[in-house]
N, C-alpha and C. Protein backbone atom coordinates (compact mmCIF):
# COMPACT_ATOMS: atom_id res chain seq x y z
N MET A 1 31.74 84.87 40.34
CA MET A 1 30.24 84.74 40.62
C MET A 1 30.33 85.01 42.41
N LEU A 2 30.83 84.65 43.26
CA LEU A 2 31.13 84.57 44.48
C LEU A 2 30.93 86.32 45.09
N ARG A 3 32.17 86.54 44.16
CA ARG A 3 32.27 88.28 44.37
C ARG A 3 31.24 88.84 44.43
N PHE A 4 30.36 88.56 42.96
CA PHE A 4 29.20 89.30 42.99
C PHE A 4 28.10 88.91 43.74
N ILE A 5 28.29 88.08 44.04
CA ILE A 5 26.67 87.63 45.46
C ILE A 5 27.47 88.21 46.63
N GLY A 6 28.56 87.62 47.03
CA GLY A 6 29.12 88.44 48.46
C GLY A 6 28.86 89.80 48.58
N GLU A 7 29.16 90.50 47.42
CA GLU A 7 28.79 91.99 47.76
C GLU A 7 27.36 92.18 48.00
N GLN A 8 26.43 92.10 47.38
CA GLN A 8 25.40 92.10 47.24
C GLN A 8 24.56 91.40 48.95
N VAL A 9 24.91 90.48 49.24
CA VAL A 9 25.06 90.03 50.70
C VAL A 9 24.97 90.77 51.30
N SER A 10 26.53 91.37 51.65
CA SER A 10 27.22 92.40 52.50
C SER A 10 26.40 93.36 52.59
N ALA A 11 26.12 93.81 51.60
CA ALA A 11 25.36 95.03 51.75
C ALA A 11 24.11 94.82 51.90
N ASN A 12 23.00 93.85 52.08
CA ASN A 12 21.92 93.83 52.17
C ASN A 12 22.41 93.19 53.72
N PHE A 13 22.83 92.77 54.36
CA PHE A 13 23.46 92.24 56.13
C PHE A 13 23.63 93.83 56.53
N GLY A 14 23.97 94.51 55.87
CA GLY A 14 24.22 95.74 56.61
C GLY A 14 23.53 96.60 56.82
N THR A 15 22.26 96.65 56.23
CA THR A 15 20.87 96.93 56.25
C THR A 15 19.99 96.76 57.32
N LEU A 16 20.50 95.25 57.99
CA LEU A 16 19.59 94.55 58.71
C LEU A 16 20.17 95.06 60.45
N ASP A 17 19.07 95.27 61.52
CA ASP A 17 18.85 95.16 63.06
C ASP A 17 19.10 93.79 63.49
N LEU A 18 20.59 93.67 63.69
CA LEU A 18 21.04 91.99 63.83
C LEU A 18 20.47 91.98 65.27
N LEU A 19 20.06 92.48 66.08
CA LEU A 19 19.10 92.43 67.46
C LEU A 19 17.68 92.19 67.22
N ALA A 20 17.33 92.22 66.07
CA ALA A 20 15.76 92.28 65.98
C ALA A 20 15.39 90.78 65.97
N SER A 21 14.13 90.45 66.33
CA SER A 21 13.53 89.01 66.55
C SER A 21 13.43 88.64 64.88
N GLY A 22 13.54 87.56 64.28
CA GLY A 22 13.62 86.88 63.36
C GLY A 22 12.60 85.67 62.89
N GLY A 23 12.95 85.33 61.63
CA GLY A 23 12.57 83.77 61.22
C GLY A 23 13.18 82.87 62.34
N PRO A 24 12.81 81.59 62.18
CA PRO A 24 13.58 80.49 62.99
C PRO A 24 14.93 80.26 62.01
N VAL A 25 15.99 79.75 62.88
CA VAL A 25 16.96 79.18 62.19
C VAL A 25 17.11 77.64 62.52
N SER A 26 17.07 77.02 61.09
CA SER A 26 16.78 75.45 61.51
C SER A 26 17.51 74.56 62.51
N TRP A 27 18.67 75.29 62.61
CA TRP A 27 19.93 74.60 63.30
C TRP A 27 19.79 74.90 64.24
N ALA A 28 18.92 75.92 64.78
CA ALA A 28 19.23 76.43 66.28
C ALA A 28 17.62 76.03 67.36
N GLY A 29 17.03 75.28 66.32
CA GLY A 29 15.77 75.15 66.59
C GLY A 29 14.37 75.78 65.87
N PRO A 30 13.12 75.44 66.04
CA PRO A 30 11.82 76.02 65.25
C PRO A 30 11.19 76.97 66.11
N ALA A 31 11.98 77.65 67.02
CA ALA A 31 11.63 78.96 67.68
C ALA A 31 11.88 80.08 66.70
N ALA A 32 11.49 81.50 67.31
CA ALA A 32 12.04 82.67 66.45
C ALA A 32 13.91 82.86 66.87
N ALA A 33 14.21 83.68 66.13
CA ALA A 33 16.38 83.63 66.89
C ALA A 33 16.21 85.04 66.29
N PRO A 34 17.42 85.40 66.63
CA PRO A 34 17.82 86.79 66.52
C PRO A 34 18.20 87.05 65.24
N VAL A 35 18.13 88.09 64.14
CA VAL A 35 18.72 88.26 62.86
C VAL A 35 19.99 88.09 63.08
N TRP A 36 20.88 88.47 64.20
CA TRP A 36 22.35 88.18 64.05
C TRP A 36 22.56 86.61 63.88
N LEU A 37 21.86 85.99 64.65
CA LEU A 37 22.01 84.18 63.91
C LEU A 37 21.59 83.83 62.53
N ASP A 38 20.52 84.16 61.92
CA ASP A 38 20.64 83.73 60.99
C ASP A 38 22.07 84.25 59.89
N VAL A 39 22.31 85.49 59.86
CA VAL A 39 23.59 86.17 59.47
C VAL A 39 24.58 84.85 59.55
N ALA A 40 25.12 84.88 60.80
CA ALA A 40 25.93 83.68 61.70
C ALA A 40 25.59 82.59 60.66
N ARG A 41 24.30 82.14 60.88
CA ARG A 41 24.30 80.65 59.37
C ARG A 41 24.87 80.72 58.41
N GLU A 42 24.73 82.18 57.61
CA GLU A 42 24.93 82.35 56.10
C GLU A 42 26.60 82.53 56.27
N PHE A 43 27.01 83.35 57.18
CA PHE A 43 28.67 82.89 57.06
C PHE A 43 29.22 81.72 57.41
N THR A 44 28.14 80.83 58.30
CA THR A 44 29.09 79.99 58.46
C THR A 44 28.93 78.54 57.38
N GLU A 45 27.93 78.82 56.69
CA GLU A 45 27.27 77.79 55.38
C GLU A 45 28.55 78.30 54.33
N ARG A 46 28.80 79.37 54.32
CA ARG A 46 30.06 79.84 53.04
C ARG A 46 31.02 79.65 53.43
N TRP A 47 31.42 80.18 54.74
CA TRP A 47 32.71 79.31 55.33
C TRP A 47 33.28 77.73 55.03
N HIS A 48 32.20 77.17 55.64
CA HIS A 48 32.49 75.65 55.45
C HIS A 48 32.64 75.40 53.93
N HIS A 49 31.71 75.72 53.32
CA HIS A 49 31.51 75.33 51.81
C HIS A 49 33.01 75.76 50.96
N GLN A 50 33.54 76.65 51.70
CA GLN A 50 34.69 77.26 51.12
C GLN A 50 35.74 76.23 51.32
N GLN A 51 35.95 75.77 52.72
CA GLN A 51 36.90 74.90 52.85
C GLN A 51 36.80 73.64 52.22
N HIS A 52 35.57 73.40 52.08
CA HIS A 52 35.58 71.71 50.97
C HIS A 52 36.25 72.14 50.03
N ILE A 53 35.97 73.00 49.22
CA ILE A 53 36.58 73.40 47.80
C ILE A 53 37.63 73.26 47.95
N ARG A 54 38.50 74.37 49.24
CA ARG A 54 39.78 74.23 49.04
C ARG A 54 40.51 72.89 49.62
N ASP A 55 39.99 72.27 50.66
CA ASP A 55 40.07 70.91 50.78
C ASP A 55 40.49 70.10 49.32
N ALA A 56 39.48 70.18 48.11
CA ALA A 56 39.52 69.13 47.16
C ALA A 56 40.34 69.95 46.10
N ALA A 57 40.60 71.05 45.92
CA ALA A 57 41.49 71.82 45.36
C ALA A 57 43.04 71.48 45.77
N GLY A 58 43.04 71.17 47.09
CA GLY A 58 44.46 70.94 47.55
C GLY A 58 45.47 72.18 48.44
N LYS A 59 44.02 73.12 48.59
CA LYS A 59 44.97 74.47 49.01
C LYS A 59 44.66 74.98 50.75
N LEU A 60 44.72 75.87 51.08
CA LEU A 60 45.18 75.58 52.36
C LEU A 60 43.88 76.23 52.84
N GLY A 61 43.38 76.12 54.05
CA GLY A 61 42.11 76.82 54.50
C GLY A 61 42.09 77.74 55.00
N ALA A 62 40.84 78.99 55.27
CA ALA A 62 41.03 80.11 55.80
C ALA A 62 40.82 80.05 57.09
N LEU A 63 42.08 79.53 58.06
CA LEU A 63 42.30 79.55 59.67
C LEU A 63 42.57 80.17 60.17
N GLU A 64 42.90 81.30 59.71
CA GLU A 64 43.03 82.53 60.04
C GLU A 64 41.70 83.20 60.90
N PRO A 65 42.18 83.71 62.32
CA PRO A 65 41.47 84.16 63.48
C PRO A 65 40.35 85.01 62.80
N TYR A 66 40.70 85.82 61.52
CA TYR A 66 39.40 86.94 61.38
C TYR A 66 38.61 85.56 60.22
N PHE A 67 38.49 84.59 59.98
CA PHE A 67 37.69 83.69 59.62
C PHE A 67 37.19 83.15 60.56
N LEU A 68 38.33 82.47 61.37
CA LEU A 68 37.69 81.25 61.80
C LEU A 68 36.87 81.72 62.98
N ALA A 69 37.26 82.59 63.57
CA ALA A 69 36.11 82.83 64.91
C ALA A 69 34.80 83.24 64.70
N PRO A 70 34.57 84.02 63.91
CA PRO A 70 33.00 83.76 63.53
C PRO A 70 32.57 83.21 62.90
N ALA A 71 33.38 81.92 62.24
CA ALA A 71 32.72 80.76 61.89
C ALA A 71 32.67 79.72 63.05
N ALA A 72 33.51 79.30 63.41
CA ALA A 72 33.52 78.52 64.45
C ALA A 72 32.69 78.84 65.84
N GLY A 73 32.46 80.35 65.74
CA GLY A 73 32.18 81.03 67.10
C GLY A 73 30.13 80.66 67.08
N GLY A 74 29.77 80.53 65.56
CA GLY A 74 28.35 80.53 65.26
C GLY A 74 28.09 78.65 64.98
N SER A 75 29.28 78.02 64.68
CA SER A 75 28.68 77.25 64.91
C SER A 75 28.42 76.60 66.13
N ILE A 76 29.65 77.01 67.49
CA ILE A 76 28.80 76.45 68.92
C ILE A 76 27.96 76.98 69.31
N CYS A 77 27.25 78.41 68.98
CA CYS A 77 26.22 78.82 69.07
C CYS A 77 24.92 78.38 68.84
N LEU A 78 25.12 77.92 67.26
CA LEU A 78 24.34 77.26 67.07
C LEU A 78 23.12 76.37 67.11
N ARG A 79 24.03 75.25 67.91
CA ARG A 79 23.57 74.56 68.60
C ARG A 79 23.94 73.26 69.97
N PRO A 80 24.03 74.63 70.70
CA PRO A 80 24.51 73.95 72.23
C PRO A 80 22.98 73.27 72.74
N ALA A 81 21.91 74.29 72.81
CA ALA A 81 20.76 73.53 73.52
C ALA A 81 20.42 72.60 72.60
N ALA A 82 20.07 72.47 71.62
CA ALA A 82 19.49 71.33 70.65
C ALA A 82 20.25 70.04 70.42
N ASP A 83 21.64 69.89 70.81
CA ASP A 83 22.21 68.85 70.51
C ASP A 83 22.53 68.28 71.95
N LEU A 84 22.35 69.31 73.22
CA LEU A 84 22.87 68.57 74.57
C LEU A 84 21.94 68.78 75.51
N PRO A 85 20.62 68.48 75.20
CA PRO A 85 19.93 68.28 75.58
C PRO A 85 19.72 68.09 77.59
N GLY A 86 20.45 67.07 77.78
CA GLY A 86 21.04 66.30 78.64
C GLY A 86 21.46 67.27 79.94
N TYR A 87 22.39 68.49 79.43
CA TYR A 87 23.04 68.68 80.38
C TYR A 87 22.13 69.38 81.63
N PRO A 88 23.12 69.28 83.03
CA PRO A 88 22.76 69.52 84.00
C PRO A 88 21.96 71.32 84.44
N CYS A 89 21.75 71.79 85.48
CA CYS A 89 21.29 72.86 85.64
C CYS A 89 21.84 74.23 85.77
N PRO A 90 21.31 75.29 85.55
CA PRO A 90 21.51 76.71 85.20
C PRO A 90 23.22 77.02 85.84
N GLY A 91 23.59 77.06 85.34
CA GLY A 91 24.97 77.70 86.39
C GLY A 91 26.24 76.98 85.56
N LEU A 92 25.95 76.03 84.81
CA LEU A 92 26.43 75.14 84.73
C LEU A 92 27.61 76.17 83.43
N GLN A 93 28.77 75.83 83.27
CA GLN A 93 29.95 76.41 82.22
C GLN A 93 30.13 75.55 81.37
N ARG A 94 30.37 75.50 80.26
CA ARG A 94 31.86 74.69 79.40
C ARG A 94 32.42 75.87 78.73
N HIS A 95 33.78 75.23 78.14
CA HIS A 95 34.43 76.12 77.63
C HIS A 95 35.21 75.11 76.59
N TYR A 96 34.85 76.18 75.46
CA TYR A 96 35.47 75.55 74.25
C TYR A 96 37.19 76.70 74.15
N ALA A 97 38.24 75.86 73.96
CA ALA A 97 39.77 76.36 73.71
C ALA A 97 40.07 76.43 71.98
N ARG A 98 40.49 76.82 71.90
CA ARG A 98 40.63 76.89 69.77
C ARG A 98 42.10 77.05 69.86
N GLY A 99 42.74 76.29 69.30
CA GLY A 99 44.18 76.13 68.88
C GLY A 99 45.43 76.47 69.88
N HIS A 100 46.14 77.65 69.62
CA HIS A 100 46.94 78.00 70.53
C HIS A 100 46.87 79.06 71.23
N GLY A 101 45.22 78.63 71.70
CA GLY A 101 44.80 79.83 72.76
C GLY A 101 44.89 81.20 72.12
N ALA A 102 44.38 81.20 70.86
CA ALA A 102 44.28 82.81 69.98
C ALA A 102 42.75 83.04 70.10
N VAL A 103 41.84 82.08 70.06
CA VAL A 103 40.43 82.29 70.16
C VAL A 103 39.38 81.34 70.96
N TRP A 104 39.21 81.74 71.85
CA TRP A 104 38.28 81.05 73.32
C TRP A 104 36.84 81.37 73.20
N TRP A 105 36.24 80.50 73.56
CA TRP A 105 34.71 80.59 73.50
C TRP A 105 34.07 79.36 74.79
N SER A 106 32.99 80.32 75.48
CA SER A 106 32.86 79.64 76.75
C SER A 106 31.12 79.84 76.62
N VAL A 107 30.37 78.91 76.84
CA VAL A 107 29.21 79.25 76.86
C VAL A 107 28.49 78.50 78.72
N ASP A 108 27.47 79.02 78.56
CA ASP A 108 27.15 79.11 80.32
C ASP A 108 25.78 78.54 80.15
N ARG A 109 25.78 77.55 81.09
CA ARG A 109 23.82 77.23 81.17
C ARG A 109 23.05 78.55 81.67
N GLN A 110 22.10 78.68 81.10
CA GLN A 110 20.70 80.00 82.04
C GLN A 110 19.54 79.57 82.08
N GLU A 111 18.82 79.22 82.71
CA GLU A 111 17.75 78.98 82.83
C GLU A 111 17.22 78.41 81.37
N GLY A 112 17.12 77.51 81.21
CA GLY A 112 16.96 76.83 79.75
C GLY A 112 18.15 77.14 78.64
N SER A 113 18.61 77.61 78.56
CA SER A 113 19.38 78.46 77.16
C SER A 113 21.09 78.43 77.19
N TRP A 114 21.71 78.35 76.05
CA TRP A 114 22.70 78.60 76.50
C TRP A 114 23.24 79.96 76.04
N GLN A 115 24.21 80.68 76.91
CA GLN A 115 24.92 82.24 76.20
C GLN A 115 26.25 81.66 75.84
N LEU A 116 26.52 82.35 74.66
CA LEU A 116 27.94 82.26 74.20
C LEU A 116 28.62 83.59 74.44
N TYR A 117 29.54 83.36 75.14
CA TYR A 117 30.92 84.20 75.06
C TYR A 117 32.06 84.14 74.94
N LEU A 118 33.11 85.07 74.50
CA LEU A 118 33.86 85.22 73.69
C LEU A 118 35.23 85.47 74.53
N CYS A 119 35.47 84.73 76.05
CA CYS A 119 36.17 84.87 76.60
C CYS A 119 36.52 83.58 77.19
N ARG A 120 37.27 83.41 78.18
CA ARG A 120 37.97 81.79 78.54
C ARG A 120 37.30 82.55 80.20
N PRO A 121 36.54 81.29 80.45
CA PRO A 121 35.92 81.61 81.80
C PRO A 121 36.78 81.26 83.12
N PRO A 122 37.14 81.77 84.36
CA PRO A 122 37.83 81.36 85.37
C PRO A 122 37.89 79.90 85.50
N HIS A 123 36.56 79.02 85.94
CA HIS A 123 36.66 78.35 86.73
C HIS A 123 35.82 77.60 85.78
N PRO A 124 35.77 76.50 84.43
CA PRO A 124 34.69 76.26 83.93
C PRO A 124 34.78 74.54 84.19
N GLU A 125 33.30 74.06 84.18
CA GLU A 125 33.57 72.51 84.58
C GLU A 125 34.21 71.80 83.76
N ALA A 126 34.19 71.93 82.22
CA ALA A 126 35.06 71.29 81.49
C ALA A 126 35.63 72.33 80.34
N GLU A 127 36.70 71.97 79.93
CA GLU A 127 37.27 72.40 79.20
C GLU A 127 37.92 71.68 78.25
N VAL A 128 37.60 71.80 76.42
CA VAL A 128 38.11 71.17 75.51
C VAL A 128 39.31 72.13 74.63
N ILE A 129 40.56 71.89 74.49
CA ILE A 129 41.13 72.30 73.71
C ILE A 129 41.38 71.57 72.37
N LEU A 130 41.51 71.90 71.42
CA LEU A 130 40.66 70.88 69.32
C LEU A 130 41.67 72.19 68.74
N PRO A 131 42.77 71.76 67.85
CA PRO A 131 42.84 72.51 66.73
C PRO A 131 41.59 73.20 65.96
N GLU A 132 42.32 74.22 65.09
CA GLU A 132 41.04 75.05 64.67
C GLU A 132 40.99 73.76 63.18
N ASP A 133 41.57 73.16 62.77
CA ASP A 133 41.22 72.50 61.77
C ASP A 133 40.27 70.91 61.98
N ALA A 134 40.90 70.22 63.14
CA ALA A 134 40.10 69.79 63.17
C ALA A 134 38.55 70.11 64.36
N ALA A 135 38.53 71.65 64.45
CA ALA A 135 36.98 71.67 65.09
C ALA A 135 35.83 71.99 63.60
N TRP A 136 36.58 72.91 62.66
CA TRP A 136 35.76 73.04 62.14
C TRP A 136 35.18 71.77 61.48
N ARG A 137 36.57 70.74 61.13
CA ARG A 137 35.57 69.58 60.69
C ARG A 137 34.58 68.83 60.98
N LEU A 138 35.02 68.75 62.57
CA LEU A 138 34.14 67.79 63.20
C LEU A 138 32.67 68.70 63.33
N PHE A 139 32.70 69.97 63.44
CA PHE A 139 31.45 70.80 63.69
C PHE A 139 30.57 70.62 62.31
N THR A 140 31.35 69.96 60.98
CA THR A 140 30.62 70.03 60.02
C THR A 140 30.41 68.52 59.58
N LYS A 141 31.01 67.83 60.46
CA LYS A 141 30.80 66.31 60.04
C LYS A 141 31.95 65.68 59.25
N GLY A 142 33.56 66.38 58.94
CA GLY A 142 33.95 66.25 58.36
C GLY A 142 35.12 64.79 58.45
N ILE A 143 34.97 64.71 60.35
CA ILE A 143 36.34 63.56 60.88
C ILE A 143 34.77 63.40 62.00
N SER A 144 35.04 62.32 62.39
CA SER A 144 34.27 61.74 63.03
C SER A 144 34.51 62.72 64.84
N ARG A 145 33.67 61.78 65.45
CA ARG A 145 33.91 61.97 67.43
C ARG A 145 35.21 61.86 67.41
N GLU A 146 35.29 60.16 67.32
CA GLU A 146 36.41 59.31 67.89
C GLU A 146 37.88 60.30 67.02
N THR A 147 37.82 60.62 66.17
CA THR A 147 39.18 61.46 65.54
C THR A 147 39.36 62.39 66.23
N ALA A 148 37.74 63.49 66.28
CA ALA A 148 38.48 64.65 67.12
C ALA A 148 38.85 64.73 68.41
N LYS A 149 38.23 63.39 69.26
CA LYS A 149 38.69 63.44 71.09
C LYS A 149 39.87 62.84 70.49
N ASN A 150 40.85 62.40 69.97
CA ASN A 150 42.12 61.68 69.97
C ASN A 150 42.66 63.17 69.73
N GLN A 151 42.44 64.15 69.14
CA GLN A 151 43.02 65.22 68.59
C GLN A 151 43.04 66.21 69.50
N ALA A 152 42.20 65.91 70.76
CA ALA A 152 42.13 66.80 71.56
C ALA A 152 42.43 66.92 72.76
N ARG A 153 42.55 67.84 73.49
CA ARG A 153 43.16 67.82 75.20
C ARG A 153 41.56 68.40 75.79
N PHE A 154 41.45 67.51 77.21
CA PHE A 154 40.43 67.96 78.23
C PHE A 154 40.78 67.96 79.66
N ALA A 155 40.27 69.19 79.98
CA ALA A 155 40.55 69.53 81.69
C ALA A 155 39.03 69.69 81.99
N GLY A 156 39.07 69.51 83.65
CA GLY A 156 37.68 69.29 84.03
C GLY A 156 36.72 67.85 84.09
N ASP A 157 35.46 68.34 84.12
CA ASP A 157 34.89 67.27 83.72
C ASP A 157 35.13 66.61 82.22
N PRO A 158 35.71 64.94 82.76
CA PRO A 158 35.79 64.29 81.12
C PRO A 158 34.55 64.43 80.43
N SER A 159 33.25 63.70 81.34
CA SER A 159 32.22 63.37 80.85
C SER A 159 31.35 64.55 80.11
N LEU A 160 31.57 65.80 80.50
CA LEU A 160 31.16 66.77 79.77
C LEU A 160 32.11 67.42 78.77
N GLY A 161 32.85 67.27 79.10
CA GLY A 161 34.15 67.78 77.97
C GLY A 161 33.93 66.73 76.72
N ARG A 162 33.52 65.36 76.96
CA ARG A 162 33.39 64.34 75.54
C ARG A 162 32.11 65.15 74.96
N GLN A 163 30.85 65.60 75.82
CA GLN A 163 29.73 66.14 75.18
C GLN A 163 29.85 67.09 74.31
N MET A 164 31.00 67.56 74.63
CA MET A 164 31.03 69.30 73.88
C MET A 164 31.71 69.01 72.32
N LEU A 165 32.04 67.70 72.66
CA LEU A 165 32.32 67.44 70.67
C LEU A 165 31.20 66.61 69.93
N GLU A 166 30.02 66.78 70.57
CA GLU A 166 28.65 66.04 70.31
C GLU A 166 28.09 67.61 69.73
N VAL A 167 28.69 68.84 69.37
CA VAL A 167 28.26 69.98 68.25
C VAL A 167 28.35 69.49 66.96
N VAL A 168 26.81 69.60 66.12
CA VAL A 168 27.25 69.57 64.88
C VAL A 168 26.25 70.90 64.37
N SER A 169 26.83 71.73 63.77
CA SER A 169 26.56 72.82 62.78
C SER A 169 26.14 72.52 61.60
N ILE A 170 25.37 71.78 60.81
CA ILE A 170 25.19 71.57 59.88
C ILE A 170 23.66 70.77 60.10
N ILE A 171 22.53 70.65 58.97
CA ILE A 171 21.80 70.11 58.94
C ILE A 171 22.05 68.69 58.44
N ALA A 172 22.11 67.52 59.18
CA ALA A 172 22.08 66.51 58.62
C ALA A 172 21.26 65.24 59.22
């Protein structure tokens, strides 16, 4: 069933203008969002539900960068403004480091919104290094923030680093 539906969904996504403005994506807020954000939401939903099924069946998760990078990147991108409204002024950078340095994300506060980058900034105000398995579970409420904090390494401003663990990328 997943293969049948997946092929249809993939074919449909291939016809979309990913940079066009679409409808709202509930995770990201009530405003119109780019189509790519809706596609990212669909991917992260499918990926994290598959992870739950793998857990229940005692199978290893799909944590290879090919799968994890878009799932975790979508998770990070979908919620920063909604979850962290108290962040300071434009120009603030925060930085996520994933696993063993294989995948990096950073977000930069610019004029009331966050911009996601797939790179490590030279001088972030805060940095969190979190194992892949802990990160996806944190983003989908599969582990507590306290558990994630115990598995994370922090650099820079500790209060900003702890706030980075507030991201939730599911409707909860």
